[in-house]
Amino acid sequence: MITTVTLNPSIDREYFIDEHKAMKDQYIYDDENLKVYPGGKGLIAAINLKNLGYSDVQNIGFVGGKQGLYFEKMVQDYKVTTNYVYTSNEMRNNIKIIASNPPSNTLYNDYTYSVSDKSVKEIKKRFKRSIRESDLIMIAGSIPEGVSFDIYYELIEICNELDKDVYLKASGEALKRALKAKPKFVVPYFKHTNKILDVKVENREDYIKMGKELQKEGAQYVIMPFHTNRLLFDVDNSLYLLSPEDYCIRNLLGAGDAYNAAFFDYIFQNGFDFLEANRYAAAAALDIAEHKIVFLKGRQEIEDSIDNITIEELEV
């Protein structure tokens, strides 16, 4: 069993157009240029893991309103087991407009969704019951209004009680508090604020400093997004720069989730090797980024991109 947690999922819509211009109406006639997906960090990773051949994958989270029914049906169509707490409020939508002339990506993120204390208590009970057979637990994304910033800390502590390793992708105060529970793998998410642990990051030295700080605060391994690269902080205090080469980005939606899913696919297939798992993960992200797709299709596409990923050790 693989468990992913997405507390703040969304219905994602991508519009591929020629030109994005204010006050210019656009009309989409080709379904190739309009994509509608169940979205949310963790959930897309779950779908990727199903596409890579894992039979028993579940996604836990909140969904709400009539849109929640539509959302759950979309998730089930991907053969992911849904384990959702329903709320009365309508869940959120995200819209991305991708233009080709000139190339641009414009994202409209909806953060209006909220949940009740009763729903939060239910999700924690359901989480504890459902992870006992899980070999992997991935907790990722933002949290909706009404949920305490302690939630990820509390979920990781449940995992610690059951001797389960956690892969955490989070941001802000929720990340800061979660570090006290010492998650094994941490990927900070900070594009909204350009801050990690309330510290602004601008150049590579800033990113390196905060990666070390994340380890100091409790993370064992840190995978730090750095533009299109990754800074990899190993448990033995080694530091590496992972970089793609000879690429052409057409799409960013789903690339990070492909990275997360492929990281664990490598470990399940080959055993734990931190650097090679990240190389494989980056190849998966590159496959998504270079095509108008959100979900991984299979391992061959990942293998085809591996030679475009380099890793070099940096001086600490």
C-alpha atoms as a PDB file:
ATOM      1  CA  MET A   1       0.000   0.000   0.000  1.00  0.00           C
ATOM      2  CA  ILE A   2       1.114   3.542  -0.803  1.00  0.00           C
ATOM      3  CA  THR A   3      -0.604   6.463   0.917  1.00  0.00           C
ATOM      4  CA  THR A   4      -0.534  10.060  -0.260  1.00  0.00           C
ATOM      5  CA  VAL A   5      -2.153  12.913   1.644  1.00  0.00           C
ATOM      6  CA  THR A   6      -3.698  15.914  -0.105  1.00  0.00           C
ATOM      7  CA  LEU A   7      -5.602  18.070   2.376  1.00  0.00           C
ATOM      8  CA  ASN A   8      -6.335  20.886  -0.052  1.00  0.00           C
ATOM      9  CA  PRO A   9      -7.052  19.318  -3.461  1.00  0.00           C
ATOM     10  CA  SER A  10      -8.444  21.180  -6.446  1.00  0.00           C
ATOM     11  CA  ILE A  11      -9.954  20.773  -9.862  1.00  0.00           C
ATOM     12  CA  ASP A  12      -7.265  21.978 -12.275  1.00  0.00           C
ATOM     13  CA  ARG A  13      -7.947  23.410 -15.698  1.00  0.00           C
ATOM     14  CA  GLU A  14      -5.249  24.173 -18.287  1.00  0.00           C
ATOM     15  CA  TYR A  15      -5.907  26.351 -21.316  1.00  0.00           C
ATOM     16  CA  PHE A  16      -3.336  26.265 -24.139  1.00  0.00           C
ATOM     17  CA  ILE A  17      -3.675  29.389 -26.316  1.00  0.00           C
ATOM     18  CA  ASP A  18      -1.658  31.324 -28.859  1.00  0.00           C
ATOM     19  CA  GLU A  19      -1.593  34.701 -27.099  1.00  0.00           C
ATOM     20  CA  HIS A  20      -2.601  35.748 -23.597  1.00  0.00           C
ATOM     21  CA  LYS A  21      -3.717  39.359 -23.753  1.00  0.00           C
ATOM     22  CA  ALA A  22      -5.948  41.438 -21.477  1.00  0.00           C
ATOM     23  CA  MET A  23      -9.442  42.153 -22.885  1.00  0.00           C
ATOM     24  CA  LYS A  24      -8.946  39.656 -25.712  1.00  0.00           C
ATOM     25  CA  ASP A  25     -11.575  36.896 -25.739  1.00  0.00           C
ATOM     26  CA  GLN A  26     -10.363  33.361 -26.338  1.00  0.00           C
ATOM     27  CA  TYR A  27     -12.306  30.389 -27.724  1.00  0.00           C
ATOM     28  CA  ILE A  28     -11.168  26.800 -27.262  1.00  0.00           C
ATOM     29  CA  TYR A  29     -12.445  24.348 -29.892  1.00  0.00           C
ATOM     30  CA  ASP A  30      -9.911  21.518 -29.560  1.00  0.00           C
ATOM     31  CA  ASP A  31      -9.862  19.293 -26.484  1.00  0.00           C
ATOM     32  CA  GLU A  32      -6.106  19.008 -26.946  1.00  0.00           C
ATOM     33  CA  ASN A  33      -5.943  22.617 -25.769  1.00  0.00           C
ATOM     34  CA  LEU A  34      -8.203  22.230 -22.738  1.00  0.00           C
ATOM     35  CA  LYS A  35      -7.161  19.844 -19.971  1.00  0.00           C
ATOM     36  CA  VAL A  36      -9.197  19.176 -16.815  1.00  0.00           C
ATOM     37  CA  TYR A  37      -7.592  17.155 -14.024  1.00  0.00           C
ATOM     38  CA  PRO A  38      -8.047  16.281 -10.376  1.00  0.00           C
ATOM     39  CA  GLY A  39      -5.267  18.351  -8.815  1.00  0.00           C
ATOM     40  CA  GLY A  40      -3.254  18.676  -5.662  1.00  0.00           C
ATOM     41  CA  LYS A  41       0.250  17.762  -4.578  1.00  0.00           C
ATOM     42  CA  GLY A  42       0.254  14.179  -3.428  1.00  0.00           C
ATOM     43  CA  LEU A  43      -2.771  13.253  -5.508  1.00  0.00           C
ATOM     44  CA  ILE A  44      -1.006  13.663  -8.853  1.00  0.00           C
ATOM     45  CA  ALA A  45       1.889  11.661  -7.407  1.00  0.00           C
ATOM     46  CA  ALA A  46      -0.603   8.918  -6.490  1.00  0.00           C
ATOM     47  CA  ILE A  47      -1.921   8.806 -10.058  1.00  0.00           C
ATOM     48  CA  ASN A  48       1.648   8.648 -11.361  1.00  0.00           C
ATOM     49  CA  LEU A  49       2.416   5.705  -9.088  1.00  0.00           C
ATOM     50  CA  LYS A  50      -0.653   3.900 -10.428  1.00  0.00           C
ATOM     51  CA  ASN A  51       0.535   4.570 -13.977  1.00  0.00           C
ATOM     52  CA  LEU A  52       3.919   3.105 -13.036  1.00  0.00           C
ATOM     53  CA  GLY A  53       2.254  -0.151 -12.049  1.00  0.00           C
ATOM     54  CA  TYR A  54       1.586  -0.003  -8.313  1.00  0.00           C
ATOM     55  CA  SER A  55      -1.669  -1.784  -7.569  1.00  0.00           C
ATOM     56  CA  ASP A  56      -2.637  -0.387  -4.171  1.00  0.00           C
ATOM     57  CA  VAL A  57      -2.433   3.407  -3.921  1.00  0.00           C
ATOM     58  CA  GLN A  58      -4.734   5.572  -1.813  1.00  0.00           C
ATOM     59  CA  ASN A  59      -5.218   9.318  -1.477  1.00  0.00           C
ATOM     60  CA  ILE A  60      -6.479  10.862   1.769  1.00  0.00           C
ATOM     61  CA  GLY A  61      -7.860  14.374   2.092  1.00  0.00           C
ATOM     62  CA  PHE A  62     -10.824  16.716   2.206  1.00  0.00           C
ATOM     63  CA  VAL A  63     -13.257  17.261  -0.652  1.00  0.00           C
ATOM     64  CA  GLY A  64     -16.402  19.355  -0.662  1.00  0.00           C
ATOM     65  CA  GLY A  65     -19.689  20.221  -2.264  1.00  0.00           C
ATOM     66  CA  LYS A  66     -21.051  19.023  -5.591  1.00  0.00           C
ATOM     67  CA  GLN A  67     -17.659  19.566  -7.150  1.00  0.00           C
ATOM     68  CA  GLY A  68     -16.281  17.058  -4.640  1.00  0.00           C
ATOM     69  CA  LEU A  69     -18.387  14.300  -6.201  1.00  0.00           C
ATOM     70  CA  TYR A  70     -17.052  15.180  -9.642  1.00  0.00           C
ATOM     71  CA  PHE A  71     -13.508  15.326  -8.264  1.00  0.00           C
ATOM     72  CA  GLU A  72     -13.721  11.919  -6.580  1.00  0.00           C
ATOM     73  CA  LYS A  73     -15.090  10.315  -9.742  1.00  0.00           C
ATOM     74  CA  MET A  74     -12.136  11.710 -11.719  1.00  0.00           C
ATOM     75  CA  VAL A  75      -9.685  10.301  -9.157  1.00  0.00           C
ATOM     76  CA  GLN A  76     -11.352   6.886  -9.204  1.00  0.00           C
ATOM     77  CA  ASP A  77     -11.151   6.844 -12.998  1.00  0.00           C
ATOM     78  CA  TYR A  78      -7.368   6.722 -12.483  1.00  0.00           C
ATOM     79  CA  LYS A  79      -7.856   3.648 -10.232  1.00  0.00           C
ATOM     80  CA  VAL A  80      -6.605   5.448  -7.119  1.00  0.00           C
ATOM     81  CA  THR A  81      -8.415   4.429  -3.918  1.00  0.00           C
ATOM     82  CA  THR A  82     -10.183   7.493  -2.507  1.00  0.00           C
ATOM     83  CA  ASN A  83     -10.330   8.018   1.252  1.00  0.00           C
ATOM     84  CA  TYR A  84     -11.965  11.427   1.575  1.00  0.00           C
ATOM     85  CA  VAL A  85     -13.724  13.356   4.289  1.00  0.00           C
ATOM     86  CA  TYR A  86     -16.609  15.262   2.703  1.00  0.00           C
ATOM     87  CA  THR A  87     -17.480  18.810   3.703  1.00  0.00           C
ATOM     88  CA  SER A  88     -20.402  21.024   2.758  1.00  0.00           C
ATOM     89  CA  ASN A  89     -18.255  23.801   1.265  1.00  0.00           C
ATOM     90  CA  GLU A  90     -17.402  23.684  -2.428  1.00  0.00           C
ATOM     91  CA  MET A  91     -13.793  22.685  -3.059  1.00  0.00           C
ATOM     92  CA  ARG A  92     -11.437  24.942  -4.954  1.00  0.00           C
ATOM     93  CA  ASN A  93     -10.454  25.344  -8.615  1.00  0.00           C
ATOM     94  CA  ASN A  94      -7.150  26.308 -10.218  1.00  0.00           C
ATOM     95  CA  ILE A  95      -6.803  27.722 -13.723  1.00  0.00           C
ATOM     96  CA  LYS A  96      -3.579  27.905 -15.741  1.00  0.00           C
ATOM     97  CA  ILE A  97      -3.330  29.768 -19.037  1.00  0.00           C
ATOM     98  CA  ILE A  98      -0.399  28.664 -21.183  1.00  0.00           C
ATOM     99  CA  ALA A  99       0.367  30.901 -24.148  1.00  0.00           C
ATOM    100  CA  SER A 100       2.832  30.230 -26.954  1.00  0.00           C
ATOM    101  CA  ASN A 101       3.269  33.731 -28.426  1.00  0.00           C
ATOM    102  CA  PRO A 102       5.142  34.886 -26.434  1.00  0.00           C
ATOM    103  CA  PRO A 103       5.667  31.836 -24.173  1.00  0.00           C
ATOM    104  CA  SER A 104       4.007  32.439 -20.803  1.00  0.00           C
ATOM    105  CA  ASN A 105       2.311  30.637 -17.910  1.00  0.00           C
ATOM    106  CA  THR A 106      -0.368  32.430 -15.880  1.00  0.00           C
ATOM    107  CA  LEU A 107      -1.843  30.648 -12.869  1.00  0.00           C
ATOM    108  CA  TYR A 108      -4.970  31.579 -10.943  1.00  0.00           C
ATOM    109  CA  ASN A 109      -5.011  29.670  -7.650  1.00  0.00           C
ATOM    110  CA  ASP A 110      -8.203  29.492  -5.598  1.00  0.00           C
ATOM    111  CA  TYR A 111      -7.669  29.280  -1.820  1.00  0.00           C
ATOM    112  CA  THR A 112     -11.253  29.890  -0.669  1.00  0.00           C
ATOM    113  CA  TYR A 113     -11.941  26.381   0.641  1.00  0.00           C
ATOM    114  CA  SER A 114     -12.438  25.805   4.390  1.00  0.00           C
ATOM    115  CA  VAL A 115     -13.202  22.833   6.649  1.00  0.00           C
ATOM    116  CA  SER A 116     -14.575  22.348  10.172  1.00  0.00           C
ATOM    117  CA  ASP A 117     -12.939  21.103  13.395  1.00  0.00           C
ATOM    118  CA  LYS A 118     -15.111  17.981  13.171  1.00  0.00           C
ATOM    119  CA  SER A 119     -13.704  17.200   9.709  1.00  0.00           C
ATOM    120  CA  VAL A 120     -10.126  17.698  10.955  1.00  0.00           C
ATOM    121  CA  LYS A 121     -10.660  15.219  13.799  1.00  0.00           C
ATOM    122  CA  GLU A 122     -12.116  12.724  11.344  1.00  0.00           C
ATOM    123  CA  ILE A 123      -9.190  13.001   8.944  1.00  0.00           C
ATOM    124  CA  LYS A 124      -6.694  12.268  11.726  1.00  0.00           C
ATOM    125  CA  LYS A 125      -8.634   9.181  12.848  1.00  0.00           C
ATOM    126  CA  ARG A 126      -8.956   7.961   9.272  1.00  0.00           C
ATOM    127  CA  PHE A 127      -5.263   8.551   8.599  1.00  0.00           C
ATOM    128  CA  LYS A 128      -4.156   6.479  11.590  1.00  0.00           C
ATOM    129  CA  ARG A 129      -6.448   3.595  10.627  1.00  0.00           C
ATOM    130  CA  SER A 130      -5.476   3.524   6.995  1.00  0.00           C
ATOM    131  CA  ILE A 131      -1.655   3.756   6.972  1.00  0.00           C
ATOM    132  CA  ARG A 132      -0.828   0.604   8.902  1.00  0.00           C
ATOM    133  CA  GLU A 133      -0.131  -1.368   5.736  1.00  0.00           C
ATOM    134  CA  SER A 134       1.537   1.487   3.869  1.00  0.00           C
ATOM    135  CA  ASP A 135       5.128   1.166   2.673  1.00  0.00           C
ATOM    136  CA  LEU A 136       5.258   4.822   1.668  1.00  0.00           C
ATOM    137  CA  ILE A 137       3.537   7.884   3.099  1.00  0.00           C
ATOM    138  CA  MET A 138       3.728  11.112   1.162  1.00  0.00           C
ATOM    139  CA  ILE A 139       2.249  14.294   2.661  1.00  0.00           C
ATOM    140  CA  ALA A 140       2.173  17.208   0.261  1.00  0.00           C
ATOM    141  CA  GLY A 141       0.690  20.594  -0.474  1.00  0.00           C
ATOM    142  CA  SER A 142      -1.100  23.423   1.260  1.00  0.00           C
ATOM    143  CA  ILE A 143      -3.725  23.171   3.990  1.00  0.00           C
ATOM    144  CA  PRO A 144      -7.239  24.633   3.790  1.00  0.00           C
ATOM    145  CA  GLU A 145      -8.686  27.273   6.052  1.00  0.00           C
ATOM    146  CA  GLY A 146      -9.899  25.847   9.353  1.00  0.00           C
ATOM    147  CA  VAL A 147      -6.965  23.436   9.709  1.00  0.00           C
ATOM    148  CA  SER A 148      -4.242  24.136  12.277  1.00  0.00           C
ATOM    149  CA  PHE A 149      -0.665  24.580  11.082  1.00  0.00           C
ATOM    150  CA  ASP A 150       0.131  21.693  13.451  1.00  0.00           C
ATOM    151  CA  ILE A 151      -1.648  19.187  11.212  1.00  0.00           C
ATOM    152  CA  TYR A 152       1.424  17.898   9.383  1.00  0.00           C
ATOM    153  CA  TYR A 153       3.344  17.607  12.645  1.00  0.00           C
ATOM    154  CA  GLU A 154       0.466  15.565  14.086  1.00  0.00           C
ATOM    155  CA  LEU A 155       0.242  13.281  11.052  1.00  0.00           C
ATOM    156  CA  ILE A 156       4.012  12.674  11.032  1.00  0.00           C
ATOM    157  CA  GLU A 157       3.930  11.875  14.745  1.00  0.00           C
ATOM    158  CA  ILE A 158       1.302   9.219  13.994  1.00  0.00           C
ATOM    159  CA  CYS A 159       3.673   7.823  11.368  1.00  0.00           C
ATOM    160  CA  ASN A 160       6.521   7.843  13.878  1.00  0.00           C
ATOM    161  CA  GLU A 161       4.408   5.817  16.326  1.00  0.00           C
ATOM    162  CA  LEU A 162       3.895   3.218  13.595  1.00  0.00           C
ATOM    163  CA  ASP A 163       7.537   3.353  12.416  1.00  0.00           C
ATOM    164  CA  LYS A 164       6.660   4.774   8.995  1.00  0.00           C
ATOM    165  CA  ASP A 165       8.961   7.017   6.955  1.00  0.00           C
ATOM    166  CA  VAL A 166       7.463  10.242   5.602  1.00  0.00           C
ATOM    167  CA  TYR A 167       8.143  12.273   2.470  1.00  0.00           C
ATOM    168  CA  LEU A 168       6.932  15.827   3.131  1.00  0.00           C
ATOM    169  CA  LYS A 169       6.425  18.613   0.629  1.00  0.00           C
ATOM    170  CA  ALA A 170       5.146  21.677   2.476  1.00  0.00           C
ATOM    171  CA  SER A 171       5.603  25.383   3.030  1.00  0.00           C
ATOM    172  CA  GLY A 172       5.351  28.171   5.560  1.00  0.00           C
ATOM    173  CA  GLU A 173       4.297  27.665   9.138  1.00  0.00           C
ATOM    174  CA  ALA A 174       3.019  24.127   8.476  1.00  0.00           C
ATOM    175  CA  LEU A 175       6.501  23.116   7.326  1.00  0.00           C
ATOM    176  CA  LYS A 176       8.198  24.833  10.255  1.00  0.00           C
ATOM    177  CA  ARG A 177       6.071  22.982  12.803  1.00  0.00           C
ATOM    178  CA  ALA A 178       6.276  19.647  10.944  1.00  0.00           C
ATOM    179  CA  LEU A 179      10.083  19.616  11.191  1.00  0.00           C
ATOM    180  CA  LYS A 180       9.815  18.976  14.922  1.00  0.00           C
ATOM    181  CA  ALA A 181       8.500  15.494  14.077  1.00  0.00           C
ATOM    182  CA  LYS A 182      11.687  14.801  12.038  1.00  0.00           C
ATOM    183  CA  PRO A 183      10.336  13.679   8.627  1.00  0.00           C
ATOM    184  CA  LYS A 184      12.813  11.611   6.628  1.00  0.00           C
ATOM    185  CA  PHE A 185      12.540  13.536   3.340  1.00  0.00           C
ATOM    186  CA  VAL A 186      11.634  17.212   3.053  1.00  0.00           C
ATOM    187  CA  VAL A 187      10.939  19.232  -0.070  1.00  0.00           C
ATOM    188  CA  PRO A 188      10.215  22.873   0.826  1.00  0.00           C
ATOM    189  CA  TYR A 189       7.581  24.619  -1.281  1.00  0.00           C
ATOM    190  CA  PHE A 190       8.030  28.364  -1.310  1.00  0.00           C
ATOM    191  CA  LYS A 191       7.209  29.914  -4.684  1.00  0.00           C
ATOM    192  CA  HIS A 192       4.367  32.028  -3.246  1.00  0.00           C
ATOM    193  CA  THR A 193       6.627  33.939  -0.849  1.00  0.00           C
ATOM    194  CA  ASN A 194      10.235  33.138  -1.806  1.00  0.00           C
ATOM    195  CA  LYS A 195      10.760  32.413   1.880  1.00  0.00           C
ATOM    196  CA  ILE A 196      11.887  29.272   3.700  1.00  0.00           C
ATOM    197  CA  LEU A 197      11.322  29.245   7.476  1.00  0.00           C
ATOM    198  CA  ASP A 198      10.464  32.954   7.186  1.00  0.00           C
ATOM    199  CA  VAL A 199      13.821  33.763   5.575  1.00  0.00           C
ATOM    200  CA  LYS A 200      13.850  35.235   2.065  1.00  0.00           C
ATOM    201  CA  VAL A 201      15.905  33.245  -0.461  1.00  0.00           C
ATOM    202  CA  GLU A 202      17.369  34.940  -3.521  1.00  0.00           C
ATOM    203  CA  ASN A 203      20.724  33.441  -4.508  1.00  0.00           C
ATOM    204  CA  ARG A 204      22.290  30.005  -4.280  1.00  0.00           C
ATOM    205  CA  GLU A 205      23.997  30.777  -0.996  1.00  0.00           C
ATOM    206  CA  ASP A 206      20.605  31.567   0.548  1.00  0.00           C
ATOM    207  CA  TYR A 207      19.167  28.266  -0.650  1.00  0.00           C
ATOM    208  CA  ILE A 208      22.145  26.322   0.680  1.00  0.00           C
ATOM    209  CA  LYS A 209      21.939  28.058   4.041  1.00  0.00           C
ATOM    210  CA  MET A 210      18.238  27.249   4.399  1.00  0.00           C
ATOM    211  CA  GLY A 211      18.679  23.661   3.263  1.00  0.00           C
ATOM    212  CA  LYS A 212      21.153  23.165   6.086  1.00  0.00           C
ATOM    213  CA  GLU A 213      18.740  24.907   8.440  1.00  0.00           C
ATOM    214  CA  LEU A 214      15.961  22.498   7.469  1.00  0.00           C
ATOM    215  CA  GLN A 215      18.247  19.619   8.403  1.00  0.00           C
ATOM    216  CA  LYS A 216      19.198  21.313  11.645  1.00  0.00           C
ATOM    217  CA  GLU A 217      15.500  21.694  12.491  1.00  0.00           C
ATOM    218  CA  GLY A 218      14.676  18.026  11.903  1.00  0.00           C
ATOM    219  CA  ALA A 219      14.740  16.934   8.243  1.00  0.00           C
ATOM    220  CA  GLN A 220      17.052  14.004   7.487  1.00  0.00           C
ATOM    221  CA  TYR A 221      17.311  14.544   3.719  1.00  0.00           C
ATOM    222  CA  VAL A 222      16.413  17.766   1.901  1.00  0.00           C
ATOM    223  CA  ILE A 223      15.545  18.123  -1.787  1.00  0.00           C
ATOM    224  CA  MET A 224      15.639  21.857  -2.451  1.00  0.00           C
ATOM    225  CA  PRO A 225      14.077  23.271  -5.651  1.00  0.00           C
ATOM    226  CA  PHE A 226      16.465  25.840  -7.115  1.00  0.00           C
ATOM    227  CA  HIS A 227      14.985  27.282 -10.314  1.00  0.00           C
ATOM    228  CA  THR A 228      14.997  24.295 -12.713  1.00  0.00           C
ATOM    229  CA  ASN A 229      17.708  22.590 -10.633  1.00  0.00           C
ATOM    230  CA  ARG A 230      17.722  20.814  -7.264  1.00  0.00           C
ATOM    231  CA  LEU A 231      20.101  21.156  -4.339  1.00  0.00           C
ATOM    232  CA  LEU A 232      20.410  17.777  -2.623  1.00  0.00           C
ATOM    233  CA  PHE A 233      21.336  17.674   1.060  1.00  0.00           C
ATOM    234  CA  ASP A 234      22.432  14.169   2.038  1.00  0.00           C
ATOM    235  CA  VAL A 235      22.206  12.829   5.574  1.00  0.00           C
ATOM    236  CA  ASP A 236      26.034  12.820   5.851  1.00  0.00           C
ATOM    237  CA  ASN A 237      26.103  16.620   5.248  1.00  0.00           C
ATOM    238  CA  SER A 238      27.192  16.238   1.624  1.00  0.00           C
ATOM    239  CA  LEU A 239      25.692  18.706  -0.863  1.00  0.00           C
ATOM    240  CA  TYR A 240      24.985  18.149  -4.561  1.00  0.00           C
ATOM    241  CA  LEU A 241      23.634  20.174  -7.472  1.00  0.00           C
ATOM    242  CA  LEU A 242      21.274  18.338  -9.808  1.00  0.00           C
ATOM    243  CA  SER A 243      20.708  19.982 -13.217  1.00  0.00           C
ATOM    244  CA  PRO A 244      18.823  19.154 -16.426  1.00  0.00           C
ATOM    245  CA  GLU A 245      20.521  19.790 -19.764  1.00  0.00           C
ATOM    246  CA  ASP A 246      19.304  20.334 -23.345  1.00  0.00           C
ATOM    247  CA  TYR A 247      15.644  20.776 -22.488  1.00  0.00           C
ATOM    248  CA  CYS A 248      12.680  22.840 -23.678  1.00  0.00           C
ATOM    249  CA  ILE A 249       9.998  23.482 -21.059  1.00  0.00           C
ATOM    250  CA  ARG A 250       6.428  23.532 -22.380  1.00  0.00           C
ATOM    251  CA  ASN A 251       4.528  22.784 -19.180  1.00  0.00           C
ATOM    252  CA  LEU A 252       5.246  22.933 -15.435  1.00  0.00           C
ATOM    253  CA  LEU A 253       1.972  21.576 -14.022  1.00  0.00           C
ATOM    254  CA  GLY A 254       2.652  18.093 -12.677  1.00  0.00           C
ATOM    255  CA  ALA A 255       6.438  18.140 -13.018  1.00  0.00           C
ATOM    256  CA  GLY A 256       7.014  18.326  -9.267  1.00  0.00           C
ATOM    257  CA  ASP A 257       4.569  15.495  -8.600  1.00  0.00           C
ATOM    258  CA  ALA A 258       6.270  13.374 -11.265  1.00  0.00           C
ATOM    259  CA  TYR A 259       9.525  14.012  -9.398  1.00  0.00           C
ATOM    260  CA  ASN A 260       7.989  12.907  -6.091  1.00  0.00           C
ATOM    261  CA  ALA A 261       6.443   9.736  -7.505  1.00  0.00           C
ATOM    262  CA  ALA A 262       9.511   8.686  -9.489  1.00  0.00           C
ATOM    263  CA  PHE A 263      11.767   9.213  -6.464  1.00  0.00           C
ATOM    264  CA  PHE A 264       9.958   6.421  -4.658  1.00  0.00           C
ATOM    265  CA  ASP A 265       9.537   4.316  -7.777  1.00  0.00           C
ATOM    266  CA  TYR A 266      13.314   4.195  -8.032  1.00  0.00           C
ATOM    267  CA  ILE A 267      13.650   3.151  -4.387  1.00  0.00           C
ATOM    268  CA  PHE A 268      11.017   0.424  -4.714  1.00  0.00           C
ATOM    269  CA  GLN A 269      12.671  -0.926  -7.857  1.00  0.00           C
ATOM    270  CA  ASN A 270      16.355  -0.581  -6.935  1.00  0.00           C
ATOM    271  CA  GLY A 271      16.745   0.003  -3.206  1.00  0.00           C
ATOM    272  CA  PHE A 272      17.674   3.274  -1.533  1.00  0.00           C
ATOM    273  CA  ASP A 273      20.284   5.418  -3.263  1.00  0.00           C
ATOM    274  CA  PHE A 274      19.611   9.086  -2.556  1.00  0.00           C
ATOM    275  CA  LEU A 275      21.474  10.523  -5.544  1.00  0.00           C
ATOM    276  CA  GLU A 276      20.284   8.022  -8.150  1.00  0.00           C
ATOM    277  CA  ALA A 277      16.707   8.250  -6.884  1.00  0.00           C
ATOM    278  CA  ASN A 278      16.882  12.009  -7.441  1.00  0.00           C
ATOM    279  CA  ARG A 279      18.426  11.611 -10.890  1.00  0.00           C
ATOM    280  CA  TYR A 280      15.594   9.280 -11.888  1.00  0.00           C
ATOM    281  CA  ALA A 281      13.035  11.632 -10.326  1.00  0.00           C
ATOM    282  CA  ALA A 282      14.419  14.604 -12.249  1.00  0.00           C
ATOM    283  CA  ALA A 283      14.195  12.650 -15.493  1.00  0.00           C
ATOM    284  CA  ALA A 284      10.513  12.036 -14.783  1.00  0.00           C
ATOM    285  CA  ALA A 285       9.918  15.725 -14.107  1.00  0.00           C
ATOM    286  CA  LEU A 286      11.722  16.610 -17.326  1.00  0.00           C
ATOM    287  CA  ASP A 287       9.489  14.255 -19.316  1.00  0.00           C
ATOM    288  CA  ILE A 288       6.402  16.079 -18.005  1.00  0.00           C
ATOM    289  CA  ALA A 289       7.883  19.550 -18.479  1.00  0.00           C
ATOM    290  CA  GLU A 290       8.734  18.959 -22.142  1.00  0.00           C
ATOM    291  CA  HIS A 291       5.267  17.728 -23.110  1.00  0.00           C
ATOM    292  CA  LYS A 292       1.641  18.883 -22.806  1.00  0.00           C
ATOM    293  CA  ILE A 293       0.890  16.209 -20.213  1.00  0.00           C
ATOM    294  CA  VAL A 294       0.416  16.119 -16.454  1.00  0.00           C
ATOM    295  CA  PHE A 295       0.776  12.415 -15.634  1.00  0.00           C
ATOM    296  CA  LEU A 296       3.603   9.987 -16.265  1.00  0.00           C
ATOM    297  CA  LYS A 297       2.887   7.320 -18.860  1.00  0.00           C
ATOM    298  CA  GLY A 298       5.532   4.754 -17.930  1.00  0.00           C
ATOM    299  CA  ARG A 299       9.157   4.075 -17.105  1.00  0.00           C
ATOM    300  CA  GLN A 300      10.503   4.129 -20.655  1.00  0.00           C
ATOM    301  CA  GLU A 301       9.869   7.860 -20.969  1.00  0.00           C
ATOM    302  CA  ILE A 302      11.795   8.413 -17.731  1.00  0.00           C
ATOM    303  CA  GLU A 303      14.703   6.287 -18.905  1.00  0.00           C
ATOM    304  CA  ASP A 304      14.828   8.276 -22.140  1.00  0.00           C
ATOM    305  CA  SER A 305      15.492  11.483 -20.175  1.00  0.00           C
ATOM    306  CA  ILE A 306      18.041  10.248 -17.637  1.00  0.00           C
ATOM    307  CA  ASP A 307      21.077  11.126 -19.750  1.00  0.00           C
ATOM    308  CA  ASN A 308      19.949  14.769 -19.634  1.00  0.00           C
ATOM    309  CA  ILE A 309      20.356  14.901 -15.835  1.00  0.00           C
ATOM    310  CA  THR A 310      23.718  15.690 -14.232  1.00  0.00           C
ATOM    311  CA  ILE A 311      24.749  15.696 -10.576  1.00  0.00           C
ATOM    312  CA  GLU A 312      27.859  17.375  -9.202  1.00  0.00           C
ATOM    313  CA  GLU A 313      29.095  17.563  -5.622  1.00  0.00           C
ATOM    314  CA  LEU A 314      29.490  21.045  -4.188  1.00  0.00           C
ATOM    315  CA  GLU A 315      31.892  22.150  -1.514  1.00  0.00           C
ATOM    316  CA  VAL A 316      30.150  22.584   1.818  1.00  0.00           C
END
